[in-house]
Amino acid sequence: MAVIPEWVPVTPTAAITRFKVLTVNTHKGFTALNRRFILPELREAVRGVAADVVFLQEVHGTHEHHPRRYSNWPSMPQYEFLADSIWPQFAYGRNAVYPHGDHGNALLSKFQIIRYDNLDISQSGHESRGLLHCVLRLPGTGQEVHAICVHLGLREVHRQQQLKLLAQRVAEIPGDAPLIVAGDFNDWRQQADLSHSGLQEVFVQAHGKPARTFPARLPLLPLDRIYVRNLKVHHAQVLTARPWSHLSDHAPLSVEIEL
């Protein structure tokens, strides 16, 4: 795992035992069908949630062509633009690489990221996918929390193989360690079962079934998930109202986490 340098600034806070998590597929900063570039609006919406830890899928690290097409394209990677002055710590896992750029998963945190690792779970000959595994240190308590940002494939057979790789990574984490797994599972058939890894899906726990998140304007399919282990959850929500209904193609999920 890569280690974050100690000199990276972290927002000073009192002891933390409860915090908010947000997960959103940013669709590379574009609305559905790539009709409009809306990354600045998306940044304001993400800020408005006041989450402490943000799981992002489909964020650009670099892109050579878009800065010439869009006058408001940021001069920095999209995840840094989204983090800006709110989340002093961030990690990026580059999944897809092409001649003109790259994209992947990212995690933004108000807490120290003490180390991170990006696991390639791509299936041969198909779309590039990854698991970004970060370890956070909460202020005051010094408690370490594992956070895995997920983006699984579109085909069921690939997702099942990727879920096995996810389960293997979870098995490497100490059984008593707090763990959050969140992201875009593309699991509209609801076949993703992580209960054997001791993980509970927060919306199944709170409401009896996964949250519908796609398409954002009229959510019908439960593609996105938040799983936890050794943590309590409160106020699990699907963010479907404006502006979220007109940003990206997935509705974000948020939940409050308690140690």
C-alpha atoms as a PDB file:
ATOM      1  CA  MET A   1       0.000   0.000   0.000  1.00  0.00           C
ATOM      2  CA  ALA A   2       1.162   3.547  -0.733  1.00  0.00           C
ATOM      3  CA  VAL A   3       1.682   5.732   2.330  1.00  0.00           C
ATOM      4  CA  ILE A   4       0.476   9.346   2.429  1.00  0.00           C
ATOM      5  CA  PRO A   5       3.322  11.694   3.544  1.00  0.00           C
ATOM      6  CA  GLU A   6       2.884  12.957   7.090  1.00  0.00           C
ATOM      7  CA  TRP A   7       3.276  16.594   6.004  1.00  0.00           C
ATOM      8  CA  VAL A   8       0.028  16.575   4.001  1.00  0.00           C
ATOM      9  CA  PRO A   9      -2.315  18.916   5.931  1.00  0.00           C
ATOM     10  CA  VAL A  10      -5.277  17.440   7.748  1.00  0.00           C
ATOM     11  CA  THR A  11      -8.120  19.547   9.095  1.00  0.00           C
ATOM     12  CA  PRO A  12      -7.771  19.563  12.920  1.00  0.00           C
ATOM     13  CA  THR A  13     -10.874  18.309  14.697  1.00  0.00           C
ATOM     14  CA  ALA A  14     -11.891  16.889  18.059  1.00  0.00           C
ATOM     15  CA  ALA A  15     -12.257  13.153  18.610  1.00  0.00           C
ATOM     16  CA  ILE A  16     -14.513  11.698  15.927  1.00  0.00           C
ATOM     17  CA  THR A  17     -16.835   8.752  16.558  1.00  0.00           C
ATOM     18  CA  ARG A  18     -19.549   9.635  14.020  1.00  0.00           C
ATOM     19  CA  PHE A  19     -19.200  10.925  10.450  1.00  0.00           C
ATOM     20  CA  LYS A  20     -21.011  11.138   7.129  1.00  0.00           C
ATOM     21  CA  VAL A  21     -20.222   9.164   3.975  1.00  0.00           C
ATOM     22  CA  LEU A  22     -21.263   9.964   0.401  1.00  0.00           C
ATOM     23  CA  THR A  23     -20.835   7.831  -2.734  1.00  0.00           C
ATOM     24  CA  VAL A  24     -21.465   9.077  -6.274  1.00  0.00           C
ATOM     25  CA  ASN A  25     -20.596   8.035  -9.811  1.00  0.00           C
ATOM     26  CA  THR A  26     -19.540  11.374 -11.302  1.00  0.00           C
ATOM     27  CA  HIS A  27     -19.886  10.209 -14.922  1.00  0.00           C
ATOM     28  CA  LYS A  28     -16.589  12.027 -15.634  1.00  0.00           C
ATOM     29  CA  GLY A  29     -18.209  15.364 -14.873  1.00  0.00           C
ATOM     30  CA  PHE A  30     -20.956  15.161 -17.508  1.00  0.00           C
ATOM     31  CA  THR A  31     -24.727  14.842 -17.403  1.00  0.00           C
ATOM     32  CA  ALA A  32     -26.443  11.716 -18.729  1.00  0.00           C
ATOM     33  CA  LEU A  33     -25.567  10.994 -22.379  1.00  0.00           C
ATOM     34  CA  ASN A  34     -22.650  13.466 -22.035  1.00  0.00           C
ATOM     35  CA  ARG A  35     -24.864  16.365 -23.060  1.00  0.00           C
ATOM     36  CA  ARG A  36     -23.307  18.954 -20.748  1.00  0.00           C
ATOM     37  CA  PHE A  37     -20.151  19.375 -18.675  1.00  0.00           C
ATOM     38  CA  ILE A  38     -21.298  20.045 -15.108  1.00  0.00           C
ATOM     39  CA  LEU A  39     -18.301  19.340 -12.864  1.00  0.00           C
ATOM     40  CA  PRO A  40     -18.446  22.817 -11.202  1.00  0.00           C
ATOM     41  CA  GLU A  41     -22.127  22.304 -10.335  1.00  0.00           C
ATOM     42  CA  LEU A  42     -21.354  18.803  -9.141  1.00  0.00           C
ATOM     43  CA  ARG A  43     -18.648  20.161  -6.829  1.00  0.00           C
ATOM     44  CA  GLU A  44     -21.138  22.555  -5.212  1.00  0.00           C
ATOM     45  CA  ALA A  45     -23.674  19.751  -4.759  1.00  0.00           C
ATOM     46  CA  VAL A  46     -21.081  17.455  -3.168  1.00  0.00           C
ATOM     47  CA  ARG A  47     -20.051  20.267  -0.816  1.00  0.00           C
ATOM     48  CA  GLY A  48     -23.671  20.800   0.155  1.00  0.00           C
ATOM     49  CA  VAL A  49     -23.951  17.282   1.574  1.00  0.00           C
ATOM     50  CA  ALA A  50     -21.220  18.084   4.130  1.00  0.00           C
ATOM     51  CA  ALA A  51     -19.845  14.547   3.969  1.00  0.00           C
ATOM     52  CA  ASP A  52     -16.601  13.731   5.740  1.00  0.00           C
ATOM     53  CA  VAL A  53     -15.615  10.934   3.352  1.00  0.00           C
ATOM     54  CA  VAL A  54     -16.600  10.876  -0.333  1.00  0.00           C
ATOM     55  CA  PHE A  55     -16.359   7.798  -2.563  1.00  0.00           C
ATOM     56  CA  LEU A  56     -16.135   8.741  -6.256  1.00  0.00           C
ATOM     57  CA  GLN A  57     -16.366   6.585  -9.346  1.00  0.00           C
ATOM     58  CA  GLU A  58     -15.579   7.575 -12.946  1.00  0.00           C
ATOM     59  CA  VAL A  59     -13.388  10.600 -12.289  1.00  0.00           C
ATOM     60  CA  HIS A  60     -10.788  11.827 -14.759  1.00  0.00           C
ATOM     61  CA  GLY A  61      -7.180  12.018 -13.743  1.00  0.00           C
ATOM     62  CA  THR A  62      -6.122  13.519 -17.069  1.00  0.00           C
ATOM     63  CA  HIS A  63      -7.690  14.257 -20.451  1.00  0.00           C
ATOM     64  CA  GLU A  64      -5.873  15.975 -23.312  1.00  0.00           C
ATOM     65  CA  HIS A  65      -8.863  16.863 -25.519  1.00  0.00           C
ATOM     66  CA  HIS A  66     -11.499  18.161 -23.092  1.00  0.00           C
ATOM     67  CA  PRO A  67      -9.615  21.306 -21.962  1.00  0.00           C
ATOM     68  CA  ARG A  68      -9.770  22.539 -25.566  1.00  0.00           C
ATOM     69  CA  ARG A  69     -13.497  21.824 -25.804  1.00  0.00           C
ATOM     70  CA  TYR A  70     -14.710  23.187 -22.447  1.00  0.00           C
ATOM     71  CA  SER A  71     -13.597  26.587 -21.191  1.00  0.00           C
ATOM     72  CA  ASN A  72     -14.370  25.650 -17.567  1.00  0.00           C
ATOM     73  CA  TRP A  73     -12.396  22.392 -17.600  1.00  0.00           C
ATOM     74  CA  PRO A  74     -10.216  22.435 -14.441  1.00  0.00           C
ATOM     75  CA  SER A  75      -6.442  22.750 -14.696  1.00  0.00           C
ATOM     76  CA  MET A  76      -6.036  19.946 -12.139  1.00  0.00           C
ATOM     77  CA  PRO A  77      -7.324  16.349 -11.952  1.00  0.00           C
ATOM     78  CA  GLN A  78     -11.071  16.151 -11.387  1.00  0.00           C
ATOM     79  CA  TYR A  79     -10.696  14.592  -7.941  1.00  0.00           C
ATOM     80  CA  GLU A  80      -8.458  17.461  -6.802  1.00  0.00           C
ATOM     81  CA  PHE A  81     -10.936  19.982  -8.198  1.00  0.00           C
ATOM     82  CA  LEU A  82     -13.757  18.293  -6.267  1.00  0.00           C
ATOM     83  CA  ALA A  83     -11.679  18.096  -3.079  1.00  0.00           C
ATOM     84  CA  ASP A  84     -10.514  21.724  -3.326  1.00  0.00           C
ATOM     85  CA  SER A  85     -10.296  23.276   0.162  1.00  0.00           C
ATOM     86  CA  ILE A  86     -12.910  21.014   1.817  1.00  0.00           C
ATOM     87  CA  TRP A  87     -11.227  17.596   1.780  1.00  0.00           C
ATOM     88  CA  PRO A  88      -7.500  18.012   2.457  1.00  0.00           C
ATOM     89  CA  GLN A  89      -6.740  14.342   1.816  1.00  0.00           C
ATOM     90  CA  PHE A  90      -7.500  12.361  -1.327  1.00  0.00           C
ATOM     91  CA  ALA A  91      -6.399   9.215  -3.120  1.00  0.00           C
ATOM     92  CA  TYR A  92      -6.858   8.220  -6.759  1.00  0.00           C
ATOM     93  CA  GLY A  93      -6.904   4.778  -8.335  1.00  0.00           C
ATOM     94  CA  ARG A  94      -6.347   4.929 -12.083  1.00  0.00           C
ATOM     95  CA  ASN A  95      -8.342   2.148 -13.739  1.00  0.00           C
ATOM     96  CA  ALA A  96      -8.804   2.982 -17.426  1.00  0.00           C
ATOM     97  CA  VAL A  97      -5.879   4.361 -19.448  1.00  0.00           C
ATOM     98  CA  TYR A  98      -6.201   5.493 -23.076  1.00  0.00           C
ATOM     99  CA  PRO A  99      -4.103   7.625 -25.464  1.00  0.00           C
ATOM    100  CA  HIS A 100      -5.730  10.917 -24.431  1.00  0.00           C
ATOM    101  CA  GLY A 101      -6.242  10.360 -20.703  1.00  0.00           C
ATOM    102  CA  ASP A 102      -7.352   8.172 -17.819  1.00  0.00           C
ATOM    103  CA  HIS A 103     -10.127   7.757 -15.277  1.00  0.00           C
ATOM    104  CA  GLY A 104     -10.822   5.710 -12.178  1.00  0.00           C
ATOM    105  CA  ASN A 105     -12.006   5.815  -8.572  1.00  0.00           C
ATOM    106  CA  ALA A 106     -11.116   8.393  -5.933  1.00  0.00           C
ATOM    107  CA  LEU A 107     -11.668   8.966  -2.243  1.00  0.00           C
ATOM    108  CA  LEU A 108     -11.843  12.404  -0.607  1.00  0.00           C
ATOM    109  CA  SER A 109     -11.401  12.605   3.155  1.00  0.00           C
ATOM    110  CA  LYS A 110     -11.391  15.149   5.970  1.00  0.00           C
ATOM    111  CA  PHE A 111      -9.450  12.532   7.932  1.00  0.00           C
ATOM    112  CA  GLN A 112      -5.895  11.398   7.379  1.00  0.00           C
ATOM    113  CA  ILE A 113      -5.406   8.730   4.719  1.00  0.00           C
ATOM    114  CA  ILE A 114      -2.463   6.832   6.151  1.00  0.00           C
ATOM    115  CA  ARG A 115      -2.110   4.427   3.212  1.00  0.00           C
ATOM    116  CA  TYR A 116      -3.912   3.325   0.068  1.00  0.00           C
ATOM    117  CA  ASP A 117      -3.778   0.725  -2.659  1.00  0.00           C
ATOM    118  CA  ASN A 118      -5.530   0.317  -6.021  1.00  0.00           C
ATOM    119  CA  LEU A 119      -6.419  -3.249  -6.980  1.00  0.00           C
ATOM    120  CA  ASP A 120      -6.984  -4.002 -10.670  1.00  0.00           C
ATOM    121  CA  ILE A 121     -10.043  -6.261 -10.963  1.00  0.00           C
ATOM    122  CA  SER A 122     -10.492  -5.914 -14.737  1.00  0.00           C
ATOM    123  CA  GLN A 123     -11.540  -9.026 -16.599  1.00  0.00           C
ATOM    124  CA  SER A 124      -9.421  -9.773 -19.666  1.00  0.00           C
ATOM    125  CA  GLY A 125     -10.566  -8.010 -22.835  1.00  0.00           C
ATOM    126  CA  HIS A 126     -13.301  -5.982 -21.158  1.00  0.00           C
ATOM    127  CA  GLU A 127     -13.783  -2.657 -19.353  1.00  0.00           C
ATOM    128  CA  SER A 128     -11.162  -1.603 -16.837  1.00  0.00           C
ATOM    129  CA  ARG A 129     -12.321  -1.744 -13.217  1.00  0.00           C
ATOM    130  CA  GLY A 130     -10.688  -1.348  -9.823  1.00  0.00           C
ATOM    131  CA  LEU A 131     -10.970  -1.317  -6.041  1.00  0.00           C
ATOM    132  CA  LEU A 132      -9.405   1.668  -4.285  1.00  0.00           C
ATOM    133  CA  HIS A 133      -8.580   0.589  -0.723  1.00  0.00           C
ATOM    134  CA  CYS A 134      -7.729   3.377   1.725  1.00  0.00           C
ATOM    135  CA  VAL A 135      -7.031   3.286   5.450  1.00  0.00           C
ATOM    136  CA  LEU A 136      -8.199   6.358   7.357  1.00  0.00           C
ATOM    137  CA  ARG A 137      -7.142   7.498  10.828  1.00  0.00           C
ATOM    138  CA  LEU A 138      -9.859   9.277  12.791  1.00  0.00           C
ATOM    139  CA  PRO A 139      -8.839  12.300  14.866  1.00  0.00           C
ATOM    140  CA  GLY A 140      -8.718  12.003  18.620  1.00  0.00           C
ATOM    141  CA  THR A 141      -9.361   8.285  18.905  1.00  0.00           C
ATOM    142  CA  GLY A 142      -6.676   7.242  16.408  1.00  0.00           C
ATOM    143  CA  GLN A 143      -9.113   4.573  15.203  1.00  0.00           C
ATOM    144  CA  GLU A 144      -8.259   3.171  11.770  1.00  0.00           C
ATOM    145  CA  VAL A 145     -11.164   2.752   9.342  1.00  0.00           C
ATOM    146  CA  HIS A 146     -10.810   0.831   6.084  1.00  0.00           C
ATOM    147  CA  ALA A 147     -12.614   2.284   3.070  1.00  0.00           C
ATOM    148  CA  ILE A 148     -12.900   0.510  -0.286  1.00  0.00           C
ATOM    149  CA  CYS A 149     -14.254   2.413  -3.302  1.00  0.00           C
ATOM    150  CA  VAL A 150     -15.775   0.028  -5.846  1.00  0.00           C
ATOM    151  CA  HIS A 151     -16.731   0.135  -9.525  1.00  0.00           C
ATOM    152  CA  LEU A 152     -17.783  -3.228 -10.937  1.00  0.00           C
ATOM    153  CA  GLY A 153     -18.365  -4.339 -14.531  1.00  0.00           C
ATOM    154  CA  LEU A 154     -21.524  -4.293 -16.635  1.00  0.00           C
ATOM    155  CA  ARG A 155     -21.704  -8.061 -17.240  1.00  0.00           C
ATOM    156  CA  GLU A 156     -22.920 -10.428 -14.535  1.00  0.00           C
ATOM    157  CA  VAL A 157     -20.180 -13.005 -15.123  1.00  0.00           C
ATOM    158  CA  HIS A 158     -17.523 -10.311 -14.698  1.00  0.00           C
ATOM    159  CA  ARG A 159     -19.166  -8.875 -11.588  1.00  0.00           C
ATOM    160  CA  GLN A 160     -19.178 -12.277  -9.912  1.00  0.00           C
ATOM    161  CA  GLN A 161     -15.441 -12.652 -10.513  1.00  0.00           C
ATOM    162  CA  GLN A 162     -14.867  -9.109  -9.269  1.00  0.00           C
ATOM    163  CA  LEU A 163     -16.940  -9.764  -6.157  1.00  0.00           C
ATOM    164  CA  LYS A 164     -14.690 -12.738  -5.403  1.00  0.00           C
ATOM    165  CA  LEU A 165     -11.654 -10.451  -5.653  1.00  0.00           C
ATOM    166  CA  LEU A 166     -13.385  -7.959  -3.370  1.00  0.00           C
ATOM    167  CA  ALA A 167     -14.131 -10.730  -0.852  1.00  0.00           C
ATOM    168  CA  GLN A 168     -10.466 -11.762  -0.959  1.00  0.00           C
ATOM    169  CA  ARG A 169      -9.362  -8.205  -0.193  1.00  0.00           C
ATOM    170  CA  VAL A 170     -11.907  -7.931   2.652  1.00  0.00           C
ATOM    171  CA  ALA A 171     -10.593 -11.223   4.082  1.00  0.00           C
ATOM    172  CA  GLU A 172      -7.129  -9.618   4.345  1.00  0.00           C
ATOM    173  CA  ILE A 173      -8.488  -6.866   6.618  1.00  0.00           C
ATOM    174  CA  PRO A 174      -8.517  -7.643  10.360  1.00  0.00           C
ATOM    175  CA  GLY A 175     -11.943  -9.002  11.299  1.00  0.00           C
ATOM    176  CA  ASP A 176     -12.478  -6.451  14.064  1.00  0.00           C
ATOM    177  CA  ALA A 177     -11.506  -3.408  11.947  1.00  0.00           C
ATOM    178  CA  PRO A 178     -14.235  -0.924  10.945  1.00  0.00           C
ATOM    179  CA  LEU A 179     -14.836  -1.242   7.202  1.00  0.00           C
ATOM    180  CA  ILE A 180     -16.865   0.657   4.590  1.00  0.00           C
ATOM    181  CA  VAL A 181     -17.294  -0.615   1.023  1.00  0.00           C
ATOM    182  CA  ALA A 182     -19.132   1.772  -1.282  1.00  0.00           C
ATOM    183  CA  GLY A 183     -19.577   2.571  -4.934  1.00  0.00           C
ATOM    184  CA  ASP A 184     -21.148   1.560  -8.225  1.00  0.00           C
ATOM    185  CA  PHE A 185     -21.796  -2.186  -8.193  1.00  0.00           C
ATOM    186  CA  ASN A 186     -23.857  -2.202 -11.438  1.00  0.00           C
ATOM    187  CA  ASP A 187     -25.898  -4.873  -9.677  1.00  0.00           C
ATOM    188  CA  TRP A 188     -29.401  -4.337 -11.051  1.00  0.00           C
ATOM    189  CA  ARG A 189     -30.166  -8.063 -10.607  1.00  0.00           C
ATOM    190  CA  GLN A 190     -29.291  -7.839  -6.892  1.00  0.00           C
ATOM    191  CA  GLN A 191     -26.871 -10.749  -6.995  1.00  0.00           C
ATOM    192  CA  ALA A 192     -24.099  -9.094  -4.963  1.00  0.00           C
ATOM    193  CA  ASP A 193     -23.996 -10.943  -1.638  1.00  0.00           C
ATOM    194  CA  LEU A 194     -21.213  -9.922   0.730  1.00  0.00           C
ATOM    195  CA  SER A 195     -22.806 -11.281   3.890  1.00  0.00           C
ATOM    196  CA  HIS A 196     -20.259 -14.127   3.952  1.00  0.00           C
ATOM    197  CA  SER A 197     -17.626 -11.404   4.433  1.00  0.00           C
ATOM    198  CA  GLY A 198     -19.525 -10.003   7.418  1.00  0.00           C
ATOM    199  CA  LEU A 199     -20.699  -6.948   5.475  1.00  0.00           C
ATOM    200  CA  GLN A 200     -24.178  -5.466   5.756  1.00  0.00           C
ATOM    201  CA  GLU A 201     -25.715  -3.233   3.085  1.00  0.00           C
ATOM    202  CA  VAL A 202     -26.980  -0.096   4.807  1.00  0.00           C
ATOM    203  CA  PHE A 203     -30.208   0.317   2.812  1.00  0.00           C
ATOM    204  CA  VAL A 204     -31.116  -3.354   3.168  1.00  0.00           C
ATOM    205  CA  GLN A 205     -30.496  -2.951   6.894  1.00  0.00           C
ATOM    206  CA  ALA A 206     -32.518   0.287   7.145  1.00  0.00           C
ATOM    207  CA  HIS A 207     -35.252  -0.209   4.543  1.00  0.00           C
ATOM    208  CA  GLY A 208     -35.260  -3.906   3.642  1.00  0.00           C
ATOM    209  CA  LYS A 209     -33.896  -3.529   0.101  1.00  0.00           C
ATOM    210  CA  PRO A 210     -31.118  -1.777  -1.849  1.00  0.00           C
ATOM    211  CA  ALA A 211     -31.681   1.825  -2.901  1.00  0.00           C
ATOM    212  CA  ARG A 212     -32.731   2.628  -6.464  1.00  0.00           C
ATOM    213  CA  THR A 213     -30.179   5.000  -7.971  1.00  0.00           C
ATOM    214  CA  PHE A 214     -30.327   4.753 -11.776  1.00  0.00           C
ATOM    215  CA  PRO A 215     -31.230   6.665 -13.849  1.00  0.00           C
ATOM    216  CA  ALA A 216     -30.928   9.697 -11.584  1.00  0.00           C
ATOM    217  CA  ARG A 217     -34.045  11.514 -12.827  1.00  0.00           C
ATOM    218  CA  LEU A 218     -36.286   8.499 -12.279  1.00  0.00           C
ATOM    219  CA  PRO A 219     -34.364   5.881 -10.288  1.00  0.00           C
ATOM    220  CA  LEU A 220     -35.484   2.359 -11.130  1.00  0.00           C
ATOM    221  CA  LEU A 221     -32.369   0.195 -10.775  1.00  0.00           C
ATOM    222  CA  PRO A 222     -30.356  -0.428  -7.561  1.00  0.00           C
ATOM    223  CA  LEU A 223     -26.844  -0.025  -8.974  1.00  0.00           C
ATOM    224  CA  ASP A 224     -25.040   1.706  -6.093  1.00  0.00           C
ATOM    225  CA  ARG A 225     -24.377   0.319  -2.622  1.00  0.00           C
ATOM    226  CA  ILE A 226     -22.825   1.078   0.766  1.00  0.00           C
ATOM    227  CA  TYR A 227     -21.739  -1.891   2.890  1.00  0.00           C
ATOM    228  CA  VAL A 228     -20.321  -1.728   6.419  1.00  0.00           C
ATOM    229  CA  ARG A 229     -18.730  -4.042   8.972  1.00  0.00           C
ATOM    230  CA  ASN A 230     -18.220  -3.311  12.680  1.00  0.00           C
ATOM    231  CA  LEU A 231     -20.048   0.014  12.335  1.00  0.00           C
ATOM    232  CA  LYS A 232     -23.475   1.437  13.169  1.00  0.00           C
ATOM    233  CA  VAL A 233     -25.427   3.321  10.499  1.00  0.00           C
ATOM    234  CA  HIS A 234     -27.962   6.161  10.678  1.00  0.00           C
ATOM    235  CA  HIS A 235     -29.993   8.154   8.165  1.00  0.00           C
ATOM    236  CA  ALA A 236     -29.316   6.215   4.969  1.00  0.00           C
ATOM    237  CA  GLN A 237     -30.563   8.414   2.102  1.00  0.00           C
ATOM    238  CA  VAL A 238     -30.838   8.420  -1.682  1.00  0.00           C
ATOM    239  CA  LEU A 239     -30.267  11.945  -3.006  1.00  0.00           C
ATOM    240  CA  THR A 240     -32.793  12.248  -5.823  1.00  0.00           C
ATOM    241  CA  ALA A 241     -34.046  15.840  -5.577  1.00  0.00           C
ATOM    242  CA  ARG A 242     -32.533  18.744  -7.479  1.00  0.00           C
ATOM    243  CA  PRO A 243     -29.747  19.415  -8.138  1.00  0.00           C
ATOM    244  CA  TRP A 244     -28.831  15.719  -7.981  1.00  0.00           C
ATOM    245  CA  SER A 245     -31.535  14.639 -10.416  1.00  0.00           C
ATOM    246  CA  HIS A 246     -29.786  16.695 -13.100  1.00  0.00           C
ATOM    247  CA  LEU A 247     -26.167  15.842 -12.245  1.00  0.00           C
ATOM    248  CA  SER A 248     -24.480  12.663 -13.511  1.00  0.00           C
ATOM    249  CA  ASP A 249     -26.637   9.638 -14.356  1.00  0.00           C
ATOM    250  CA  HIS A 250     -26.582   8.032 -10.879  1.00  0.00           C
ATOM    251  CA  ALA A 251     -28.310   9.301  -7.743  1.00  0.00           C
ATOM    252  CA  PRO A 252     -25.787   9.479  -4.864  1.00  0.00           C
ATOM    253  CA  LEU A 253     -26.139   7.655  -1.556  1.00  0.00           C
ATOM    254  CA  SER A 254     -25.321   9.076   1.866  1.00  0.00           C
ATOM    255  CA  VAL A 255     -25.265   7.602   5.352  1.00  0.00           C
ATOM    256  CA  GLU A 256     -24.047   8.567   8.808  1.00  0.00           C
ATOM    257  CA  ILE A 257     -21.526   6.143  10.296  1.00  0.00           C
ATOM    258  CA  GLU A 258     -20.917   5.566  14.002  1.00  0.00           C
ATOM    259  CA  LEU A 259     -18.104   3.611  15.614  1.00  0.00           C
END
